[in-house]
Protein backbone atom coordinates (compact mmCIF):
# COMPACT_ATOMS: atom_id res chain seq x y z
CA MET A 1 -195.44 4.70 -104.30
CA LEU A 2 -196.26 1.68 -106.41
CA THR A 3 -199.73 1.90 -107.89
CA LYS A 4 -199.78 -0.78 -110.74
CA ILE A 5 -197.47 -3.35 -112.40
CA ILE A 6 -197.76 -3.51 -116.24
CA SER A 7 -196.19 -6.51 -117.74
CA GLY A 8 -195.82 -8.09 -121.33
CA GLY A 9 -195.68 -11.55 -119.78
CA GLN A 10 -192.24 -12.62 -120.99
CA THR A 11 -190.20 -15.09 -119.06
CA GLY A 12 -188.01 -13.80 -116.47
CA ALA A 13 -188.37 -10.39 -114.77
CA ASP A 14 -191.87 -9.78 -116.26
CA ARG A 15 -193.35 -12.95 -114.92
CA ALA A 16 -191.63 -12.51 -111.53
CA ALA A 17 -193.12 -9.05 -111.16
CA LEU A 18 -196.56 -10.41 -111.89
CA ALA A 19 -196.12 -13.31 -109.36
CA VAL A 20 -195.22 -10.64 -106.73
CA ALA A 21 -198.18 -8.40 -107.70
CA ILE A 22 -200.52 -11.33 -107.35
CA GLU A 23 -199.00 -12.51 -104.05
CA PHE A 24 -199.32 -9.10 -102.52
CA ASP A 25 -202.61 -8.20 -104.04
CA THR A 26 -201.09 -5.29 -106.07
CA PRO A 27 -203.03 -3.96 -109.08
CA HIS A 28 -201.55 -5.40 -112.22
CA VAL A 29 -202.04 -5.71 -115.94
CA ASP A 30 -200.58 -8.40 -118.16
CA TRP A 31 -200.76 -8.03 -121.91
CA ILE A 32 -199.63 -10.24 -124.85
CA PRO A 33 -200.87 -9.68 -128.41
CA GLU A 34 -203.46 -12.34 -129.51
CA GLY A 35 -201.84 -15.54 -130.78
CA ARG A 36 -198.41 -14.67 -129.36
CA LYS A 37 -196.56 -17.08 -126.98
CA THR A 38 -193.74 -16.64 -124.64
CA GLU A 39 -190.38 -18.42 -125.00
CA ASP A 40 -191.70 -21.31 -122.98
CA ASN A 41 -194.94 -21.54 -125.07
CA ARG A 42 -197.31 -20.30 -122.20
């Protein structure tokens, strides 16, 4: 059973998992160290 999605927010699979979690109202946590940006500067 899926209880929570934890993501580092990188482009690709991490962001896709977050999008699905948000769409299906699944508990999720996304975490990136302060000042760090992803490959596409988001």
